Amino acid sequence: GGLINQLRNPVVLWEALDHLCAISPVLNEQLAIQLVGTIDPAIQTSLNKLNHLKSKFTIEPYKSHDQILKDYEAADILLLLVNNSDNAKANIPGKLFEYIATGKPILLMAPEGTDAAIILKGYLSSIDFQYDDPISNLKALQSFIEGSKDSIDNSDFKLNFERQKLTKSLVDIIHNLD
């Protein structure tokens, strides 16, 4: 959920997906995009200009956390949007850890070098799609989407984020401060 505003409108991604739908009948038939939360009206307008994609969106209002977790389970790919601004580089959305816990493929839309992208580096089924990337990344996006149904074992990566391991890391950092 949350607000999808102009700072988090992944126009490049929408255009890339629209283009992929134009060249891939299978994707065009299967793609469904669910956005949850408050959507800036300007974003709705920009989505309606995309021939293939405009019919693929469902926009749902606020949902309970339990319902959101069920939506994660039903999804093939989870989209994480990080604001396209300089101060977003150190912003790590809590949702990132919820996404990692599902083991599902994650499509990260973020400025280059964000902490979220650095964390996801070791996650086997993720793709980092940048706001200012040209559509030349289409091939990578297409293979990511097509491969998203394959089961990828992220269990080792997920183990690193279990509370005990994070607590131990924090204790190590504190000890190293002395």
Protein backbone atom coordinates (compact mmCIF):
# COMPACT_ATOMS: atom_id res chain seq x y z
CA GLY A 1 0.00 0.00 0.00
CA GLY A 2 0.97 3.61 0.44
CA LEU A 3 0.99 6.57 -1.86
CA ILE A 4 2.20 6.20 -5.42
CA ASN A 5 3.11 9.77 -6.29
CA GLN A 6 5.19 11.54 -8.94
CA LEU A 7 8.43 10.69 -7.09
CA ARG A 8 7.56 7.01 -7.28
CA ASN A 9 5.91 6.82 -10.69
CA PRO A 10 7.99 4.32 -12.66
CA VAL A 11 7.04 5.70 -16.09
CA VAL A 12 10.02 3.95 -17.69
CA LEU A 13 8.82 0.61 -16.29
CA TRP A 14 5.23 1.15 -17.43
CA GLU A 15 6.47 2.04 -20.93
CA ALA A 16 8.76 -0.97 -21.02
CA LEU A 17 5.94 -3.32 -19.94
CA ASP A 18 3.62 -1.75 -22.51
CA HIS A 19 6.22 -2.38 -25.20
CA LEU A 20 6.75 -5.99 -24.06
CA CYS A 21 2.99 -6.59 -24.22
CA ALA A 22 3.03 -5.29 -27.80
CA ILE A 23 5.67 -7.82 -28.86
CA SER A 24 4.73 -10.76 -26.63
CA PRO A 25 1.18 -12.10 -27.02
CA VAL A 26 1.68 -14.45 -24.04
CA LEU A 27 2.72 -11.64 -21.71
CA ASN A 28 -0.04 -9.45 -23.10
CA GLU A 29 -2.57 -12.12 -22.22
CA GLN A 30 -1.19 -12.99 -18.77
CA LEU A 31 0.00 -9.68 -17.32
CA ALA A 32 -2.07 -8.21 -14.50
CA ILE A 33 -0.79 -5.38 -12.32
CA GLN A 34 -2.31 -4.74 -8.91
CA LEU A 35 -1.61 -1.42 -7.20
CA VAL A 36 -2.80 -0.96 -3.63
CA GLY A 37 -3.17 2.37 -1.87
CA THR A 38 -3.56 5.98 -2.92
CA ILE A 39 -2.62 6.72 -6.51
CA ASP A 40 -1.85 10.25 -7.67
CA PRO A 41 -4.42 11.20 -10.39
CA ALA A 42 -1.56 12.27 -12.71
CA ILE A 43 -0.29 8.69 -12.59
CA GLN A 44 -3.71 7.33 -13.51
CA THR A 45 -3.69 9.72 -16.49
CA SER A 46 -0.22 8.56 -17.61
CA LEU A 47 -1.28 4.90 -17.35
CA ASN A 48 -4.36 5.51 -19.48
CA LYS A 49 -2.12 6.68 -22.35
CA LEU A 50 -0.49 3.25 -22.66
CA ASN A 51 -2.31 1.15 -25.26
CA HIS A 52 -1.67 -2.31 -23.84
CA LEU A 53 -1.08 -1.57 -20.19
CA LYS A 54 -4.11 0.60 -19.44
CA SER A 55 -6.35 -2.49 -19.25
CA LYS A 56 -3.91 -4.46 -17.06
CA PHE A 57 -4.19 -2.39 -13.89
CA THR A 58 -6.43 -2.85 -10.91
CA ILE A 59 -6.13 -0.14 -8.30
CA GLU A 60 -7.37 -1.10 -4.86
CA PRO A 61 -7.80 1.07 -1.79
CA TYR A 62 -6.09 0.51 1.56
CA LYS A 63 -6.07 -3.13 2.77
CA SER A 64 -5.29 -4.73 6.10
CA HIS A 65 -1.78 -6.05 6.60
CA ASP A 66 -3.09 -9.64 6.65
CA GLN A 67 -4.78 -9.12 3.29
CA ILE A 68 -1.62 -7.57 1.84
CA LEU A 69 0.38 -10.64 2.93
CA LYS A 70 -2.16 -12.85 1.12
CA ASP A 71 -1.72 -10.70 -1.99
CA TYR A 72 2.06 -11.25 -1.78
CA GLU A 73 1.45 -15.00 -1.82
CA ALA A 74 -0.81 -14.76 -4.87
CA ALA A 75 1.62 -12.60 -6.87
CA ASP A 76 4.27 -13.88 -9.29
CA ILE A 77 6.45 -10.77 -8.93
CA LEU A 78 6.51 -8.11 -6.21
CA LEU A 79 7.20 -4.51 -7.26
CA LEU A 80 9.09 -2.27 -4.86
CA LEU A 81 9.14 1.45 -5.64
CA VAL A 82 11.73 3.69 -3.97
CA ASN A 83 11.37 7.46 -4.45
CA ASN A 84 13.31 8.86 -7.37
CA SER A 85 15.14 11.43 -5.25
CA ASP A 86 18.60 11.87 -3.74
CA ASN A 87 17.40 11.50 -0.15
CA ALA A 88 15.85 8.12 -0.98
CA LYS A 89 19.25 6.43 -1.33
CA ALA A 90 19.42 5.55 2.35
CA ASN A 91 15.70 4.75 2.59
CA ILE A 92 15.07 1.04 3.15
CA PRO A 93 11.33 0.35 3.03
CA GLY A 94 10.14 -2.17 5.64
CA LYS A 95 8.24 -3.78 2.79
CA LEU A 96 11.60 -4.92 1.35
CA PHE A 97 12.06 -7.38 4.22
CA GLU A 98 8.48 -8.62 3.89
CA TYR A 99 9.12 -9.22 0.19
CA ILE A 100 12.37 -11.09 0.93
CA ALA A 101 10.51 -13.28 3.44
CA THR A 102 8.16 -14.48 0.66
CA GLY A 103 11.07 -15.72 -1.48
CA LYS A 104 9.23 -14.30 -4.52
CA PRO A 105 10.90 -12.45 -7.39
CA ILE A 106 11.30 -8.74 -6.64
CA LEU A 107 11.31 -5.99 -9.25
CA LEU A 108 13.01 -2.99 -7.65
CA MET A 109 12.44 0.44 -9.16
CA ALA A 110 14.96 2.76 -7.54
CA PRO A 111 17.64 5.34 -8.27
CA GLU A 112 21.10 3.85 -8.77
CA GLY A 113 23.07 2.92 -5.66
CA THR A 114 20.21 2.88 -3.16
CA ASP A 115 20.61 0.82 0.00
CA ALA A 116 17.59 -1.27 -1.07
CA ALA A 117 19.44 -2.23 -4.29
CA ILE A 118 22.61 -3.05 -2.32
CA ILE A 119 20.65 -5.34 0.04
CA LEU A 120 19.02 -7.14 -2.90
CA LYS A 121 22.37 -7.80 -4.65
CA GLY A 122 22.59 -11.32 -3.20
CA TYR A 123 18.93 -12.13 -3.78
CA LEU A 124 18.76 -14.51 -6.71
CA SER A 125 15.44 -13.48 -8.20
CA SER A 126 15.51 -9.72 -8.34
CA ILE A 127 16.02 -7.09 -10.99
CA ASP A 128 16.99 -3.47 -10.43
CA PHE A 129 15.24 -1.24 -12.97
CA GLN A 130 16.30 2.40 -12.72
CA TYR A 131 14.10 5.43 -13.29
CA ASP A 132 16.43 6.96 -15.88
CA ASP A 133 17.26 3.74 -17.69
CA PRO A 134 16.61 3.70 -21.39
CA ILE A 135 14.28 1.02 -22.70
CA SER A 136 17.43 -0.90 -23.73
CA ASN A 137 16.87 -2.89 -20.54
CA LEU A 138 13.85 -4.52 -22.15
CA LYS A 139 15.57 -7.85 -22.75
CA ALA A 140 16.62 -8.16 -19.11
CA LEU A 141 13.10 -7.27 -17.99
CA GLN A 142 11.54 -9.73 -20.41
CA SER A 143 13.71 -12.66 -19.26
CA PHE A 144 13.10 -11.70 -15.62
CA ILE A 145 9.32 -11.77 -16.13
CA GLU A 146 9.43 -15.00 -18.15
CA GLY A 147 11.65 -16.66 -15.54
CA SER A 148 9.54 -15.49 -12.59
CA LYS A 149 7.47 -18.67 -12.62
CA ASP A 150 10.59 -20.81 -12.11
CA SER A 151 11.24 -21.69 -8.51
CA ILE A 152 14.45 -20.10 -7.26
CA ASP A 153 15.88 -21.03 -3.89
CA ASN A 154 16.49 -17.86 -1.89
CA SER A 155 16.48 -19.70 1.44
CA ASP A 156 20.15 -18.95 2.28
CA PHE A 157 19.57 -15.27 1.59
CA LYS A 158 16.40 -15.26 3.69
CA LEU A 159 18.24 -16.88 6.61
CA ASN A 160 20.53 -13.85 6.75
CA PHE A 161 17.52 -11.72 7.58
CA GLU A 162 16.20 -13.79 10.44
CA ARG A 163 15.99 -11.79 13.65
CA GLN A 164 18.73 -13.68 15.48
CA LYS A 165 21.21 -13.11 12.68
CA LEU A 166 20.32 -9.42 12.47
CA THR A 167 20.61 -9.09 16.24
CA LYS A 168 24.00 -10.80 16.19
CA SER A 169 25.15 -8.43 13.42
CA LEU A 170 24.00 -5.48 15.51
CA VAL A 171 25.84 -6.80 18.59
CA ASP A 172 29.02 -7.27 16.47
CA ILE A 173 28.73 -3.67 15.21
CA ILE A 174 28.26 -2.35 18.76
CA HIS A 175 31.30 -4.31 19.99
CA ASN A 176 33.36 -2.93 17.12
CA LEU A 177 32.54 0.63 18.14
CA ASP A 178 34.72 0.37 21.25
